Amino acid sequence: MLVNTTTRKKEGNTENKRPPDYLLSRVSPTGFAPYRLSKLRVLQRTSGFKIKTEKERKMKTPYDPRHQRRRKIVKNLFSQFFLKQPFVDQVEEKIFENKNEIHQLIQQAAPEWPLEKINKIDLAILELAVWELKFAKDQPPKVIIDEAIELAKEFGSESSPAFINGTLGFLLNSKNETKH
């Protein structure tokens, strides 16, 4: 980490003024210098403020490769309802292999909505999200639900995000209740 040094005149001499070496030590994983990190930790303890890591501070964009991959998978799952075609991604194959179990879970979460009446794009988003929640388990559940809601906002109707949030929230809560 480079530090901006300033030149100061002192009785005719020029001297570089730089922070002491202990302040120039390595930057912590949160991206803050150690002296600032100690102040933030005090703030965190007293007010519940959370220090975010560099990864957490990055803004989520629609150009994120994981989001792009999910978009592609949802589009392909949606097209499978109308035209049977070869699977492009392994995830699609795995979803198709577990389709009966996934549909049972969706029916448990939304019993008032038969699968035939659920909007096909919503069903495709739910299939992907339920598969990620129950079978893949490679992402935190909140990330999966948030991603599904974003896809519903992008592809679904006005009520799609709320429906998908409610369905996946029910599945997540039922999953947590069975653990306890």
C-alpha atoms as a PDB file:
ATOM      1  CA  MET A   1       0.000   0.000   0.000  1.00  0.00           C
ATOM      2  CA  LEU A   2       1.456   3.327  -1.025  1.00  0.00           C
ATOM      3  CA  VAL A   3       1.114   6.301   1.248  1.00  0.00           C
ATOM      4  CA  ASN A   4       1.012   9.866   0.050  1.00  0.00           C
ATOM      5  CA  THR A   5       4.014  11.612   1.556  1.00  0.00           C
ATOM      6  CA  THR A   6       4.019  15.338   2.056  1.00  0.00           C
ATOM      7  CA  THR A   7       7.002  17.617   2.144  1.00  0.00           C
ATOM      8  CA  ARG A   8       7.227  20.043   5.006  1.00  0.00           C
ATOM      9  CA  LYS A   9       9.795  22.779   5.567  1.00  0.00           C
ATOM     10  CA  LYS A  10      11.233  22.866   9.044  1.00  0.00           C
ATOM     11  CA  GLU A  11      13.839  25.516   9.772  1.00  0.00           C
ATOM     12  CA  GLY A  12      15.141  25.414   6.223  1.00  0.00           C
ATOM     13  CA  ASN A  13      15.238  21.605   5.984  1.00  0.00           C
ATOM     14  CA  THR A  14      12.864  19.495   3.951  1.00  0.00           C
ATOM     15  CA  GLU A  15      11.752  16.341   5.594  1.00  0.00           C
ATOM     16  CA  ASN A  16       9.298  13.713   4.495  1.00  0.00           C
ATOM     17  CA  LYS A  17       6.447  13.333   6.881  1.00  0.00           C
ATOM     18  CA  ARG A  18       4.965   9.834   6.783  1.00  0.00           C
ATOM     19  CA  PRO A  19       2.901   7.878   9.220  1.00  0.00           C
ATOM     20  CA  PRO A  20       4.747   5.615  11.647  1.00  0.00           C
ATOM     21  CA  ASP A  21       5.595   2.142  10.354  1.00  0.00           C
ATOM     22  CA  TYR A  22       3.029   0.410  12.561  1.00  0.00           C
ATOM     23  CA  LEU A  23       0.334   2.308  10.655  1.00  0.00           C
ATOM     24  CA  LEU A  24       1.765   1.129   7.353  1.00  0.00           C
ATOM     25  CA  SER A  25       1.587  -2.541   8.233  1.00  0.00           C
ATOM     26  CA  ARG A  26      -0.533  -4.848   6.124  1.00  0.00           C
ATOM     27  CA  VAL A  27      -4.097  -3.944   5.428  1.00  0.00           C
ATOM     28  CA  SER A  28      -6.614  -6.252   7.060  1.00  0.00           C
ATOM     29  CA  PRO A  29      -8.906  -8.538   5.021  1.00  0.00           C
ATOM     30  CA  THR A  30     -11.679  -5.974   5.437  1.00  0.00           C
ATOM     31  CA  GLY A  31      -9.632  -3.466   3.437  1.00  0.00           C
ATOM     32  CA  PHE A  32      -9.118  -1.112   6.378  1.00  0.00           C
ATOM     33  CA  ALA A  33      -5.811  -0.173   7.943  1.00  0.00           C
ATOM     34  CA  PRO A  34      -5.289  -1.606  11.453  1.00  0.00           C
ATOM     35  CA  TYR A  35      -5.640   1.717  13.295  1.00  0.00           C
ATOM     36  CA  ARG A  36      -8.975   2.360  11.576  1.00  0.00           C
ATOM     37  CA  LEU A  37     -10.065  -1.222  12.098  1.00  0.00           C
ATOM     38  CA  SER A  38      -9.705  -0.866  15.886  1.00  0.00           C
ATOM     39  CA  LYS A  39     -12.003   2.172  15.838  1.00  0.00           C
ATOM     40  CA  LEU A  40     -14.506   0.272  13.711  1.00  0.00           C
ATOM     41  CA  ARG A  41     -14.414  -2.707  16.088  1.00  0.00           C
ATOM     42  CA  VAL A  42     -15.300  -0.427  19.008  1.00  0.00           C
ATOM     43  CA  LEU A  43     -18.157   0.991  16.953  1.00  0.00           C
ATOM     44  CA  GLN A  44     -19.248  -2.533  16.055  1.00  0.00           C
ATOM     45  CA  ARG A  45     -19.368  -3.634  19.698  1.00  0.00           C
ATOM     46  CA  THR A  46     -21.245  -0.598  20.927  1.00  0.00           C
ATOM     47  CA  SER A  47     -23.814  -0.108  18.164  1.00  0.00           C
ATOM     48  CA  GLY A  48     -24.123  -3.403  16.299  1.00  0.00           C
ATOM     49  CA  PHE A  49     -22.417  -1.919  13.236  1.00  0.00           C
ATOM     50  CA  LYS A  50     -21.098  -4.682  10.946  1.00  0.00           C
ATOM     51  CA  ILE A  51     -17.694  -4.458   9.270  1.00  0.00           C
ATOM     52  CA  LYS A  52     -18.006  -5.758   5.729  1.00  0.00           C
ATOM     53  CA  THR A  53     -15.213  -7.594   3.965  1.00  0.00           C
ATOM     54  CA  GLU A  54     -13.968  -6.498   0.560  1.00  0.00           C
ATOM     55  CA  LYS A  55     -16.085  -9.204  -1.055  1.00  0.00           C
ATOM     56  CA  GLU A  56     -19.231  -8.047   0.767  1.00  0.00           C
ATOM     57  CA  ARG A  57     -18.645  -4.432  -0.227  1.00  0.00           C
ATOM     58  CA  LYS A  58     -18.659  -5.226  -3.927  1.00  0.00           C
ATOM     59  CA  MET A  59     -21.919  -4.150  -5.431  1.00  0.00           C
ATOM     60  CA  LYS A  60     -24.027  -6.886  -6.978  1.00  0.00           C
ATOM     61  CA  THR A  61     -24.465  -6.334 -10.678  1.00  0.00           C
ATOM     62  CA  PRO A  62     -26.549  -8.064 -13.325  1.00  0.00           C
ATOM     63  CA  TYR A  63     -23.264  -8.825 -15.109  1.00  0.00           C
ATOM     64  CA  ASP A  64     -22.105 -11.153 -12.360  1.00  0.00           C
ATOM     65  CA  PRO A  65     -21.179 -14.473 -14.044  1.00  0.00           C
ATOM     66  CA  ARG A  66     -23.209 -16.482 -11.499  1.00  0.00           C
ATOM     67  CA  HIS A  67     -26.284 -14.362 -12.229  1.00  0.00           C
ATOM     68  CA  GLN A  68     -25.727 -14.737 -15.966  1.00  0.00           C
ATOM     69  CA  ARG A  69     -25.459 -18.509 -15.598  1.00  0.00           C
ATOM     70  CA  ARG A  70     -28.688 -18.649 -13.586  1.00  0.00           C
ATOM     71  CA  ARG A  71     -30.442 -16.532 -16.220  1.00  0.00           C
ATOM     72  CA  LYS A  72     -29.350 -18.967 -18.921  1.00  0.00           C
ATOM     73  CA  ILE A  73     -30.475 -21.981 -16.906  1.00  0.00           C
ATOM     74  CA  VAL A  74     -33.892 -20.423 -16.185  1.00  0.00           C
ATOM     75  CA  LYS A  75     -34.367 -19.606 -19.869  1.00  0.00           C
ATOM     76  CA  ASN A  76     -33.512 -23.186 -20.836  1.00  0.00           C
ATOM     77  CA  LEU A  77     -35.784 -24.661 -18.144  1.00  0.00           C
ATOM     78  CA  PHE A  78     -38.590 -22.385 -19.330  1.00  0.00           C
ATOM     79  CA  SER A  79     -38.129 -23.486 -22.943  1.00  0.00           C
ATOM     80  CA  GLN A  80     -38.278 -27.149 -21.827  1.00  0.00           C
ATOM     81  CA  PHE A  81     -41.967 -26.645 -20.979  1.00  0.00           C
ATOM     82  CA  PHE A  82     -42.739 -25.998 -24.649  1.00  0.00           C
ATOM     83  CA  LEU A  83     -40.069 -27.751 -26.685  1.00  0.00           C
ATOM     84  CA  LYS A  84     -38.048 -30.751 -25.540  1.00  0.00           C
ATOM     85  CA  GLN A  85     -34.433 -30.139 -26.456  1.00  0.00           C
ATOM     86  CA  PRO A  86     -31.063 -31.410 -25.281  1.00  0.00           C
ATOM     87  CA  PHE A  87     -29.762 -29.991 -22.024  1.00  0.00           C
ATOM     88  CA  VAL A  88     -27.058 -27.377 -22.319  1.00  0.00           C
ATOM     89  CA  ASP A  89     -25.854 -27.416 -18.723  1.00  0.00           C
ATOM     90  CA  GLN A  90     -25.273 -30.216 -16.202  1.00  0.00           C
ATOM     91  CA  VAL A  91     -27.412 -28.317 -13.705  1.00  0.00           C
ATOM     92  CA  GLU A  92     -30.375 -28.598 -16.047  1.00  0.00           C
ATOM     93  CA  GLU A  93     -29.873 -32.358 -16.257  1.00  0.00           C
ATOM     94  CA  LYS A  94     -29.679 -32.663 -12.477  1.00  0.00           C
ATOM     95  CA  ILE A  95     -32.835 -30.581 -12.076  1.00  0.00           C
ATOM     96  CA  PHE A  96     -34.616 -32.801 -14.587  1.00  0.00           C
ATOM     97  CA  GLU A  97     -33.438 -35.956 -12.749  1.00  0.00           C
ATOM     98  CA  ASN A  98     -34.834 -34.606  -9.440  1.00  0.00           C
ATOM     99  CA  LYS A  99     -37.900 -32.947 -10.949  1.00  0.00           C
ATOM    100  CA  ASN A 100     -40.437 -35.105  -9.047  1.00  0.00           C
ATOM    101  CA  GLU A 101     -38.865 -34.326  -5.662  1.00  0.00           C
ATOM    102  CA  ILE A 102     -38.526 -30.641  -6.558  1.00  0.00           C
ATOM    103  CA  HIS A 103     -42.183 -30.459  -7.597  1.00  0.00           C
ATOM    104  CA  GLN A 104     -43.259 -32.173  -4.368  1.00  0.00           C
ATOM    105  CA  LEU A 105     -41.351 -29.581  -2.351  1.00  0.00           C
ATOM    106  CA  ILE A 106     -42.924 -26.745  -4.342  1.00  0.00           C
ATOM    107  CA  GLN A 107     -46.384 -28.286  -3.762  1.00  0.00           C
ATOM    108  CA  GLN A 108     -45.708 -28.485  -0.014  1.00  0.00           C
ATOM    109  CA  ALA A 109     -44.638 -24.831   0.053  1.00  0.00           C
ATOM    110  CA  ALA A 110     -47.538 -23.560  -2.061  1.00  0.00           C
ATOM    111  CA  PRO A 111     -50.416 -26.029  -1.624  1.00  0.00           C
ATOM    112  CA  GLU A 112     -53.054 -23.565  -2.862  1.00  0.00           C
ATOM    113  CA  TRP A 113     -51.284 -23.343  -6.234  1.00  0.00           C
ATOM    114  CA  PRO A 114     -51.319 -26.518  -8.355  1.00  0.00           C
ATOM    115  CA  LEU A 115     -48.247 -26.811 -10.562  1.00  0.00           C
ATOM    116  CA  GLU A 116     -50.385 -26.483 -13.689  1.00  0.00           C
ATOM    117  CA  LYS A 117     -51.582 -23.034 -12.573  1.00  0.00           C
ATOM    118  CA  ILE A 118     -48.158 -21.636 -11.644  1.00  0.00           C
ATOM    119  CA  ASN A 119     -46.718 -19.336 -14.278  1.00  0.00           C
ATOM    120  CA  LYS A 120     -44.121 -21.360 -16.253  1.00  0.00           C
ATOM    121  CA  ILE A 121     -41.326 -18.838 -15.790  1.00  0.00           C
ATOM    122  CA  ASP A 122     -42.010 -18.763 -12.042  1.00  0.00           C
ATOM    123  CA  LEU A 123     -41.931 -22.553 -12.001  1.00  0.00           C
ATOM    124  CA  ALA A 124     -38.590 -22.573 -13.841  1.00  0.00           C
ATOM    125  CA  ILE A 125     -37.139 -20.094 -11.316  1.00  0.00           C
ATOM    126  CA  LEU A 126     -38.525 -22.151  -8.422  1.00  0.00           C
ATOM    127  CA  GLU A 127     -37.104 -25.380  -9.857  1.00  0.00           C
ATOM    128  CA  LEU A 128     -33.628 -23.878 -10.038  1.00  0.00           C
ATOM    129  CA  ALA A 129     -33.838 -22.290  -6.583  1.00  0.00           C
ATOM    130  CA  VAL A 130     -35.265 -25.408  -4.892  1.00  0.00           C
ATOM    131  CA  TRP A 131     -32.594 -27.556  -6.530  1.00  0.00           C
ATOM    132  CA  GLU A 132     -29.878 -25.163  -5.269  1.00  0.00           C
ATOM    133  CA  LEU A 133     -31.403 -25.098  -1.764  1.00  0.00           C
ATOM    134  CA  LYS A 134     -32.026 -28.816  -1.332  1.00  0.00           C
ATOM    135  CA  PHE A 135     -29.568 -30.614  -3.576  1.00  0.00           C
ATOM    136  CA  ALA A 136     -26.598 -28.411  -4.534  1.00  0.00           C
ATOM    137  CA  LYS A 137     -26.150 -26.538  -1.233  1.00  0.00           C
ATOM    138  CA  ASP A 138     -23.104 -24.694  -2.577  1.00  0.00           C
ATOM    139  CA  GLN A 139     -24.429 -21.194  -1.840  1.00  0.00           C
ATOM    140  CA  PRO A 140     -25.927 -19.705   1.325  1.00  0.00           C
ATOM    141  CA  PRO A 141     -29.744 -19.990   1.295  1.00  0.00           C
ATOM    142  CA  LYS A 142     -30.281 -16.238   1.510  1.00  0.00           C
ATOM    143  CA  VAL A 143     -28.143 -15.717  -1.596  1.00  0.00           C
ATOM    144  CA  ILE A 144     -30.166 -18.317  -3.498  1.00  0.00           C
ATOM    145  CA  ILE A 145     -33.473 -16.732  -2.473  1.00  0.00           C
ATOM    146  CA  ASP A 146     -32.234 -13.227  -3.310  1.00  0.00           C
ATOM    147  CA  GLU A 147     -31.047 -14.414  -6.724  1.00  0.00           C
ATOM    148  CA  ALA A 148     -34.393 -16.106  -7.396  1.00  0.00           C
ATOM    149  CA  ILE A 149     -36.229 -12.898  -6.485  1.00  0.00           C
ATOM    150  CA  GLU A 150     -33.999 -10.911  -8.847  1.00  0.00           C
ATOM    151  CA  LEU A 151     -34.750 -13.382 -11.646  1.00  0.00           C
ATOM    152  CA  ALA A 152     -38.468 -13.100 -10.887  1.00  0.00           C
ATOM    153  CA  LYS A 153     -38.271  -9.302 -11.109  1.00  0.00           C
ATOM    154  CA  GLU A 154     -36.482  -9.632 -14.429  1.00  0.00           C
ATOM    155  CA  PHE A 155     -38.618 -12.334 -16.077  1.00  0.00           C
ATOM    156  CA  GLY A 156     -41.844 -12.708 -14.115  1.00  0.00           C
ATOM    157  CA  SER A 157     -45.000 -10.727 -13.551  1.00  0.00           C
ATOM    158  CA  GLU A 158     -45.623  -8.124 -10.844  1.00  0.00           C
ATOM    159  CA  SER A 159     -46.586 -10.738  -8.280  1.00  0.00           C
ATOM    160  CA  SER A 160     -43.774 -13.178  -9.132  1.00  0.00           C
ATOM    161  CA  PRO A 161     -41.133 -11.856  -6.691  1.00  0.00           C
ATOM    162  CA  ALA A 162     -43.544 -12.034  -3.745  1.00  0.00           C
ATOM    163  CA  PHE A 163     -44.739 -15.526  -4.702  1.00  0.00           C
ATOM    164  CA  ILE A 164     -41.199 -16.863  -5.108  1.00  0.00           C
ATOM    165  CA  ASN A 165     -40.042 -15.179  -1.900  1.00  0.00           C
ATOM    166  CA  GLY A 166     -42.940 -16.692   0.049  1.00  0.00           C
ATOM    167  CA  THR A 167     -42.481 -20.172  -1.414  1.00  0.00           C
ATOM    168  CA  LEU A 168     -38.718 -20.295  -0.865  1.00  0.00           C
ATOM    169  CA  GLY A 169     -39.043 -18.672   2.566  1.00  0.00           C
ATOM    170  CA  PHE A 170     -41.485 -21.405   3.585  1.00  0.00           C
ATOM    171  CA  LEU A 171     -39.062 -24.089   2.363  1.00  0.00           C
ATOM    172  CA  LEU A 172     -36.175 -22.473   4.206  1.00  0.00           C
ATOM    173  CA  ASN A 173     -38.172 -22.183   7.438  1.00  0.00           C
ATOM    174  CA  SER A 174     -39.401 -25.773   7.206  1.00  0.00           C
ATOM    175  CA  LYS A 175     -35.822 -26.884   6.585  1.00  0.00           C
ATOM    176  CA  ASN A 176     -34.628 -24.979   9.682  1.00  0.00           C
ATOM    177  CA  GLU A 177     -37.467 -26.370  11.821  1.00  0.00           C
ATOM    178  CA  THR A 178     -36.572 -29.961  10.917  1.00  0.00           C
ATOM    179  CA  LYS A 179     -32.969 -29.319  12.013  1.00  0.00           C
ATOM    180  CA  HIS A 180     -34.023 -28.270  15.542  1.00  0.00           C
END
